[in-house]
Protein backbone atom coordinates (compact mmCIF):
# COMPACT_ATOMS: atom_id res chain seq x y z
CA MET A 1 -2.19 14.43 -26.11
CA LEU A 2 -0.51 13.34 -22.92
CA ILE A 3 -3.53 11.36 -21.83
CA GLU A 4 -3.11 9.13 -25.27
CA ASN A 5 -0.18 7.51 -23.78
CA TYR A 6 -2.43 6.25 -20.96
CA ASN A 7 -5.36 5.04 -23.00
CA ILE A 8 -5.28 1.40 -23.82
CA THR A 9 -7.62 -1.66 -24.58
CA PHE A 10 -7.93 -4.64 -22.68
CA PRO A 11 -7.71 -7.89 -24.01
CA LYS A 12 -11.12 -9.75 -24.38
CA GLU A 13 -9.74 -12.64 -22.10
CA ILE A 14 -8.97 -10.12 -19.41
CA THR A 15 -12.44 -9.59 -17.66
CA SER A 16 -11.38 -9.53 -13.95
CA ILE A 17 -10.66 -6.52 -12.23
CA GLU A 18 -7.75 -7.94 -10.34
CA ASP A 19 -6.22 -9.09 -13.97
CA LYS A 20 -7.29 -5.89 -15.57
CA MET A 21 -5.32 -3.73 -12.84
CA PHE A 22 -1.96 -6.06 -13.37
CA PHE A 23 -2.28 -5.75 -17.32
CA TYR A 24 -2.66 -2.25 -16.65
CA PHE A 25 0.55 -1.68 -14.40
CA ASN A 26 2.48 -4.41 -16.62
CA CYS A 27 2.05 -2.07 -19.53
CA PHE A 28 3.82 0.06 -17.94
CA ASP A 29 6.81 -2.08 -16.05
CA LEU A 30 5.33 -1.31 -12.43
CA GLU A 31 4.72 -4.81 -11.23
CA LYS A 32 5.78 -2.98 -7.88
CA ILE A 33 2.78 -0.96 -7.57
CA ALA A 34 0.61 -3.63 -8.77
CA LYS A 35 1.58 -5.68 -5.71
CA HIS A 36 1.46 -3.60 -3.72
CA SER A 37 -1.95 -2.39 -4.82
CA LEU A 38 -3.31 -6.04 -4.21
CA GLU A 39 -1.68 -6.06 -0.92
CA VAL A 40 -3.64 -2.89 0.19
CA ALA A 41 -7.07 -4.29 -1.66
CA THR A 42 -6.79 -6.99 0.64
CA GLU A 43 -6.06 -5.37 3.92
CA ALA A 44 -9.10 -3.47 2.94
CA LYS A 45 -11.29 -6.04 2.36
CA ARG A 46 -10.26 -7.62 5.71
CA LEU A 47 -11.07 -4.62 8.05
CA ALA A 48 -13.95 -3.52 6.02
CA PRO A 49 -16.34 -5.73 8.03
CA GLN A 50 -15.06 -4.30 11.17
CA PHE A 51 -16.29 -0.77 10.26
CA GLN A 52 -19.98 -1.76 8.18
CA ILE A 53 -18.14 -0.89 4.98
CA ASP A 54 -18.98 -3.15 1.48
CA GLU A 55 -16.11 -5.50 1.04
CA GLU A 56 -16.32 -5.70 -2.21
CA LYS A 57 -16.15 -2.11 -3.02
CA ALA A 58 -13.40 -1.84 -0.44
CA TYR A 59 -11.49 -4.28 -2.55
CA PHE A 60 -12.51 -3.04 -5.76
CA ALA A 61 -11.27 0.84 -5.02
CA ALA A 62 -8.09 -0.50 -3.28
CA LEU A 63 -7.14 -2.01 -6.39
CA LEU A 64 -7.25 0.70 -8.83
CA HIS A 65 -6.16 3.63 -5.82
CA ASP A 66 -2.88 3.97 -7.26
CA ILE A 67 -3.38 3.96 -11.15
CA GLY A 68 -2.32 7.57 -11.25
CA ASN A 69 0.97 6.59 -11.00
CA VAL A 70 1.52 5.11 -14.67
CA VAL A 71 1.84 8.46 -15.29
CA PRO A 72 5.67 9.34 -14.04
CA SER A 73 5.84 12.30 -11.07
CA GLU A 74 7.48 14.78 -13.87
CA LYS A 75 4.45 14.50 -16.05
CA GLN A 76 1.38 14.48 -13.66
CA LEU A 77 1.28 17.97 -13.01
CA LEU A 78 1.33 18.72 -17.14
CA LEU A 79 -1.17 15.85 -17.85
CA ALA A 80 -3.28 17.03 -14.71
CA LYS A 81 -3.58 20.45 -16.51
CA GLU A 82 -4.34 18.77 -19.86
CA LEU A 83 -7.48 17.00 -18.25
CA LYS A 84 -7.98 20.64 -16.36
CA LEU A 85 -8.47 18.82 -13.26
CA HIS A 86 -8.20 21.47 -10.37
CA VAL A 87 -4.94 21.89 -9.01
CA VAL A 88 -3.66 23.47 -5.47
CA GLU A 89 -0.47 25.04 -4.73
CA ALA A 90 0.71 21.83 -3.00
CA GLU A 91 0.33 20.30 -5.89
CA GLU A 92 2.43 22.48 -7.91
CA ILE A 93 5.17 22.39 -5.49
CA LEU A 94 4.92 18.22 -5.32
CA PRO A 95 3.23 16.63 -8.45
CA PHE A 96 3.07 13.15 -6.59
CA LEU A 97 0.09 14.64 -4.86
CA LEU A 98 -1.87 14.67 -8.09
CA HIS A 99 -1.65 10.58 -8.63
CA GLN A 100 -4.88 10.37 -6.65
CA LYS A 101 -6.83 12.76 -8.52
CA LEU A 102 -5.64 10.96 -11.69
CA SER A 103 -6.19 7.57 -10.31
CA ALA A 104 -9.99 8.68 -9.78
CA TYR A 105 -9.72 9.98 -13.36
CA LEU A 106 -8.46 6.99 -15.23
CA ALA A 107 -10.56 4.39 -12.97
CA GLU A 108 -13.54 6.46 -14.69
CA LYS A 109 -12.17 6.38 -18.08
CA ILE A 110 -10.42 3.22 -18.74
CA PHE A 111 -11.97 1.00 -16.35
CA LEU A 112 -15.18 2.65 -17.05
CA VAL A 113 -15.87 3.19 -12.91
CA THR A 114 -19.31 5.28 -12.42
CA ASP A 115 -19.82 4.44 -8.67
CA GLN A 116 -19.07 8.05 -7.11
CA GLU A 117 -18.22 6.35 -3.90
CA LEU A 118 -15.25 4.29 -5.37
CA LEU A 119 -13.64 7.48 -7.06
CA SER A 120 -14.23 9.19 -4.28
CA ALA A 121 -12.18 6.65 -2.30
CA MET A 122 -9.23 6.97 -4.66
CA ALA A 123 -9.23 10.49 -5.26
CA CYS A 124 -7.91 11.11 -1.80
CA HIS A 125 -6.23 7.75 -0.48
CA THR A 126 -3.16 9.89 0.04
CA THR A 127 -4.27 12.86 1.67
CA LEU A 128 -7.67 12.00 3.22
CA LYS A 129 -10.23 15.06 3.24
CA ALA A 130 -12.90 16.59 5.06
CA GLN A 131 -16.39 15.00 5.11
CA ALA A 132 -14.78 11.23 4.37
CA THR A 133 -17.06 8.56 3.84
CA GLY A 134 -16.23 5.44 5.90
CA LEU A 135 -14.69 3.96 2.59
CA ASP A 136 -12.87 7.07 1.50
CA LYS A 137 -11.00 6.85 5.25
CA LEU A 138 -10.91 2.75 4.95
CA ILE A 139 -8.41 3.16 1.13
CA PHE A 140 -6.50 6.03 3.32
CA ILE A 141 -5.47 3.62 6.31
CA SER A 142 -5.62 0.32 4.22
CA ASP A 143 -2.89 2.18 2.07
CA LYS A 144 -0.95 3.47 4.84
CA VAL A 145 -0.78 0.17 6.94
CA LYS A 146 0.32 -1.58 4.01
CA TRP A 147 3.24 0.56 3.76
CA ASP A 148 5.16 0.60 0.15
CA HIS A 149 8.33 0.88 1.64
CA SER A 150 11.31 -2.10 2.13
CA ASP A 151 11.12 -0.96 6.01
CA ARG A 152 8.61 -1.61 8.15
CA ALA A 153 6.25 1.64 8.91
CA PRO A 154 7.07 3.34 11.99
CA PHE A 155 3.47 4.24 12.44
CA LEU A 156 2.08 0.94 12.00
CA ASP A 157 1.78 -0.35 15.97
CA ASP A 158 0.21 3.11 16.85
CA VAL A 159 -2.04 2.88 13.74
CA GLU A 160 -3.02 -1.15 14.20
CA GLN A 161 -3.92 -0.24 18.01
CA ALA A 162 -5.88 3.05 17.04
CA LEU A 163 -7.46 0.82 14.61
CA THR A 164 -9.20 -1.02 17.47
CA VAL A 165 -11.03 2.23 18.63
CA SER A 166 -12.00 3.71 15.29
CA LEU A 167 -11.18 4.50 11.93
CA ASN A 168 -11.48 7.91 12.53
CA GLN A 169 -8.46 7.67 15.26
CA ALA A 170 -6.74 5.54 13.05
CA CYS A 171 -6.37 7.98 10.29
CA LEU A 172 -5.91 10.84 13.00
CA VAL A 173 -2.70 8.73 14.26
CA TYR A 174 -1.47 8.60 11.06
CA LEU A 175 -2.33 12.37 10.41
CA GLU A 176 -0.19 12.99 13.51
CA TRP A 177 2.26 11.03 12.63
CA ALA A 178 2.72 12.76 9.07
CA PHE A 179 2.55 16.65 10.34
CA ASN A 180 5.58 15.20 13.11
CA GLN A 181 7.91 14.16 10.10
CA GLY A 182 7.89 17.92 9.09
CA MET A 183 6.24 17.56 5.43
CA PRO A 184 7.96 19.48 2.62
CA VAL A 185 4.27 21.32 1.89
CA ILE A 186 0.59 20.30 3.75
CA HIS A 187 -1.58 19.90 1.10
CA PRO A 188 -5.46 21.72 1.90
CA MET A 189 -7.22 18.18 2.11
CA PHE A 190 -4.87 16.80 4.28
CA GLN A 191 -4.74 19.80 7.02
CA GLU A 192 -9.41 20.03 6.74
CA ALA A 193 -9.37 16.32 7.25
CA TYR A 194 -6.53 16.95 10.04
CA ASN A 195 -8.91 19.57 11.72
CA GLU A 196 -11.92 17.79 11.59
CA LEU A 197 -11.02 14.60 13.05
CA LYS A 198 -9.10 16.40 15.74
CA HIS A 199 -12.22 18.48 16.60
CA SER A 200 -14.59 15.84 16.09
């Protein structure tokens, strides 16, 4: 089974969640994503008190938000179907969108995460979703603020300004920016989150 390729055992001396995250990504030569994950976690922890969100939960969820990316994009759809995860048409067209669901799955199975709040935040960090919790929104926007490209995020100034107003406003600013870029596919979770925030 494909999932066996991503099932590892952590050495006994590796106990902290940071070290486990780095060890896991390093097993797949993905140091760049590990670095991005730490940056997102640091940002999420920094922003958490501003929105009355638990700092440690924010940090933990952000550290593991991208572990689904150990699965190459071309294999994410195959693995999702093997695991019998719910796959929508947008994910069939653009399988990379599945990495958020795979992150939650691997966090539960490999890192033994049982907290449903943490798993929820991982599972919607790319698209967001309707009725998102504060933690969901915080991990979503921290991931966007810590843009993992070499250039400066074109939406960064607007999102940071919106964060001085509310977490909802910051998420809406990013969602509107993404819509205006002419997205190749629109994930239904993204659309539902946008509709909810636009009319809230």
